[in-house]
Amino acid sequence: MLAVHVNIQVKPDCVERFIEATKENAKNSLKEAGIARFDLIQRQDDPTCFMLVEVYRDAEAPVRHKETAHYARWRDTVESMMAVPRSSIKYTTVFPANESSWRSA
């Protein structure tokens, strides 16, 4: 299992539009066979800062995800909302160790 944390900071006047666009992307992403989790979280002390917590079933799943129409729509929609370029860090899941241990959203 591969976990990806995507750090995003949006412009203050774009917070609500970003949330709506990202929720739509997350809902569609969860329908993909290669995605186990797709969470949108917002910092409490700075509401312009978000993290996407994406858990993929295999290393190829992120590539397939980026080929979907809903990802392209999200990417194009939120690009102008970014205060700084988004960044990501990849992790290997340690616990739970396997897919059957992950609870659904």
C-alpha atoms as a PDB file:
ATOM      1  CA  MET A   1       0.000   0.000   0.000  1.00  0.00           C
ATOM      2  CA  LEU A   2       1.227   3.467  -0.921  1.00  0.00           C
ATOM      3  CA  ALA A   3       0.166   6.578   1.000  1.00  0.00           C
ATOM      4  CA  VAL A   4       0.609  10.003  -0.550  1.00  0.00           C
ATOM      5  CA  HIS A   5       0.242  13.239   1.407  1.00  0.00           C
ATOM      6  CA  VAL A   6      -0.397  16.220  -0.841  1.00  0.00           C
ATOM      7  CA  ASN A   7       0.127  19.611   0.814  1.00  0.00           C
ATOM      8  CA  ILE A   8      -1.911  22.455  -0.636  1.00  0.00           C
ATOM      9  CA  GLN A   9      -2.261  26.112   0.273  1.00  0.00           C
ATOM     10  CA  VAL A  10      -4.996  28.051  -1.468  1.00  0.00           C
ATOM     11  CA  LYS A  11      -5.704  31.752  -1.751  1.00  0.00           C
ATOM     12  CA  PRO A  12      -7.967  32.969   1.086  1.00  0.00           C
ATOM     13  CA  ASP A  13     -10.812  33.901  -1.258  1.00  0.00           C
ATOM     14  CA  CYS A  14     -10.766  30.425  -2.839  1.00  0.00           C
ATOM     15  CA  VAL A  15     -11.208  28.203   0.221  1.00  0.00           C
ATOM     16  CA  GLU A  16     -14.883  27.272  -0.286  1.00  0.00           C
ATOM     17  CA  ARG A  17     -14.547  26.716  -4.041  1.00  0.00           C
ATOM     18  CA  PHE A  18     -11.451  24.592  -3.456  1.00  0.00           C
ATOM     19  CA  ILE A  19     -13.270  22.450  -0.893  1.00  0.00           C
ATOM     20  CA  GLU A  20     -16.208  21.846  -3.231  1.00  0.00           C
ATOM     21  CA  ALA A  21     -14.012  20.955  -6.218  1.00  0.00           C
ATOM     22  CA  THR A  22     -11.823  18.686  -4.098  1.00  0.00           C
ATOM     23  CA  LYS A  23     -14.755  16.898  -2.473  1.00  0.00           C
ATOM     24  CA  GLU A  24     -16.102  16.120  -5.948  1.00  0.00           C
ATOM     25  CA  ASN A  25     -12.694  14.770  -6.996  1.00  0.00           C
ATOM     26  CA  ALA A  26     -12.424  12.696  -3.809  1.00  0.00           C
ATOM     27  CA  LYS A  27     -15.883  11.153  -4.276  1.00  0.00           C
ATOM     28  CA  ASN A  28     -14.990  10.098  -7.817  1.00  0.00           C
ATOM     29  CA  SER A  29     -11.520   8.950  -6.796  1.00  0.00           C
ATOM     30  CA  LEU A  30     -12.990   6.548  -4.245  1.00  0.00           C
ATOM     31  CA  LYS A  31     -14.749   4.779  -7.124  1.00  0.00           C
ATOM     32  CA  GLU A  32     -11.381   3.848  -8.642  1.00  0.00           C
ATOM     33  CA  ALA A  33     -10.314   0.253  -8.054  1.00  0.00           C
ATOM     34  CA  GLY A  34      -6.771   1.288  -7.080  1.00  0.00           C
ATOM     35  CA  ILE A  35      -7.730   3.740  -4.336  1.00  0.00           C
ATOM     36  CA  ALA A  36      -8.338   2.564  -0.763  1.00  0.00           C
ATOM     37  CA  ARG A  37      -8.753   6.028   0.832  1.00  0.00           C
ATOM     38  CA  PHE A  38      -8.927   9.612  -0.319  1.00  0.00           C
ATOM     39  CA  ASP A  39      -9.254  12.164   2.483  1.00  0.00           C
ATOM     40  CA  LEU A  40      -9.385  15.948   2.410  1.00  0.00           C
ATOM     41  CA  ILE A  41      -8.245  17.561   5.652  1.00  0.00           C
ATOM     42  CA  GLN A  42      -7.954  21.240   6.577  1.00  0.00           C
ATOM     43  CA  ARG A  43      -5.564  22.813   9.071  1.00  0.00           C
ATOM     44  CA  GLN A  44      -7.304  24.204  12.134  1.00  0.00           C
ATOM     45  CA  ASP A  45      -4.924  27.125  12.636  1.00  0.00           C
ATOM     46  CA  ASP A  46      -4.825  28.117   8.950  1.00  0.00           C
ATOM     47  CA  PRO A  47      -7.955  27.339   6.924  1.00  0.00           C
ATOM     48  CA  THR A  48      -6.117  28.003   3.649  1.00  0.00           C
ATOM     49  CA  CYS A  49      -3.925  24.927   4.202  1.00  0.00           C
ATOM     50  CA  PHE A  50      -5.105  21.478   3.209  1.00  0.00           C
ATOM     51  CA  MET A  51      -3.762  17.984   2.889  1.00  0.00           C
ATOM     52  CA  LEU A  52      -4.985  15.214   0.663  1.00  0.00           C
ATOM     53  CA  VAL A  53      -4.322  11.823   2.212  1.00  0.00           C
ATOM     54  CA  GLU A  54      -4.445   9.301  -0.600  1.00  0.00           C
ATOM     55  CA  VAL A  55      -3.923   5.571  -0.039  1.00  0.00           C
ATOM     56  CA  TYR A  56      -3.332   3.467  -3.134  1.00  0.00           C
ATOM     57  CA  ARG A  57      -3.492  -0.300  -3.427  1.00  0.00           C
ATOM     58  CA  ASP A  58      -0.400  -0.508  -5.669  1.00  0.00           C
ATOM     59  CA  ALA A  59       2.335   1.684  -7.121  1.00  0.00           C
ATOM     60  CA  GLU A  60       0.590   2.020 -10.502  1.00  0.00           C
ATOM     61  CA  ALA A  61      -2.689   3.318  -9.058  1.00  0.00           C
ATOM     62  CA  PRO A  62      -1.508   6.968  -8.770  1.00  0.00           C
ATOM     63  CA  VAL A  63      -0.572   6.918 -12.450  1.00  0.00           C
ATOM     64  CA  ARG A  64      -4.004   5.564 -13.393  1.00  0.00           C
ATOM     65  CA  HIS A  65      -5.643   8.143 -11.107  1.00  0.00           C
ATOM     66  CA  LYS A  66      -3.924  11.005 -12.915  1.00  0.00           C
ATOM     67  CA  GLU A  67      -5.299   9.699 -16.225  1.00  0.00           C
ATOM     68  CA  THR A  68      -8.953  10.057 -15.138  1.00  0.00           C
ATOM     69  CA  ALA A  69     -11.285  12.785 -16.359  1.00  0.00           C
ATOM     70  CA  HIS A  70     -12.245  13.773 -12.816  1.00  0.00           C
ATOM     71  CA  TYR A  71      -8.595  14.312 -11.826  1.00  0.00           C
ATOM     72  CA  ALA A  72      -7.970  16.457 -14.931  1.00  0.00           C
ATOM     73  CA  ARG A  73     -11.115  18.482 -14.172  1.00  0.00           C
ATOM     74  CA  TRP A  74      -9.988  18.996 -10.537  1.00  0.00           C
ATOM     75  CA  ARG A  75      -6.417  19.893 -11.526  1.00  0.00           C
ATOM     76  CA  ASP A  76      -7.575  22.458 -14.070  1.00  0.00           C
ATOM     77  CA  THR A  77     -10.250  23.888 -11.755  1.00  0.00           C
ATOM     78  CA  VAL A  78      -8.027  24.406  -8.701  1.00  0.00           C
ATOM     79  CA  GLU A  79      -4.802  25.447 -10.434  1.00  0.00           C
ATOM     80  CA  SER A  80      -5.562  29.178 -10.227  1.00  0.00           C
ATOM     81  CA  MET A  81      -6.684  28.792  -6.587  1.00  0.00           C
ATOM     82  CA  MET A  82      -3.230  27.741  -5.364  1.00  0.00           C
ATOM     83  CA  ALA A  83      -1.272  30.265  -3.308  1.00  0.00           C
ATOM     84  CA  VAL A  84       1.875  28.180  -3.843  1.00  0.00           C
ATOM     85  CA  PRO A  85       2.522  25.054  -5.918  1.00  0.00           C
ATOM     86  CA  ARG A  86       1.258  21.885  -4.228  1.00  0.00           C
ATOM     87  CA  SER A  87       3.776  19.329  -2.998  1.00  0.00           C
ATOM     88  CA  SER A  88       3.556  15.671  -2.109  1.00  0.00           C
ATOM     89  CA  ILE A  89       5.393  13.056  -0.089  1.00  0.00           C
ATOM     90  CA  LYS A  90       5.060   9.303  -0.649  1.00  0.00           C
ATOM     91  CA  TYR A  91       4.970   6.809   2.222  1.00  0.00           C
ATOM     92  CA  THR A  92       4.787   3.047   2.581  1.00  0.00           C
ATOM     93  CA  THR A  93       1.989   2.028   4.919  1.00  0.00           C
ATOM     94  CA  VAL A  94       3.192   0.181   8.021  1.00  0.00           C
ATOM     95  CA  PHE A  95      -0.013  -0.177  10.052  1.00  0.00           C
ATOM     96  CA  PRO A  96      -2.498  -1.292   9.101  1.00  0.00           C
ATOM     97  CA  ALA A  97      -0.276  -3.527   7.044  1.00  0.00           C
ATOM     98  CA  ASN A  98      -2.742  -4.745   4.463  1.00  0.00           C
ATOM     99  CA  GLU A  99      -5.804  -3.580   2.606  1.00  0.00           C
ATOM    100  CA  SER A 100      -8.263  -5.730   4.548  1.00  0.00           C
ATOM    101  CA  SER A 101      -7.353  -3.826   7.733  1.00  0.00           C
ATOM    102  CA  TRP A 102      -8.301  -0.413   6.289  1.00  0.00           C
ATOM    103  CA  ARG A 103     -11.715   0.858   7.286  1.00  0.00           C
ATOM    104  CA  SER A 104     -13.802   2.468   4.620  1.00  0.00           C
ATOM    105  CA  ALA A 105     -14.592   6.178   4.799  1.00  0.00           C
END
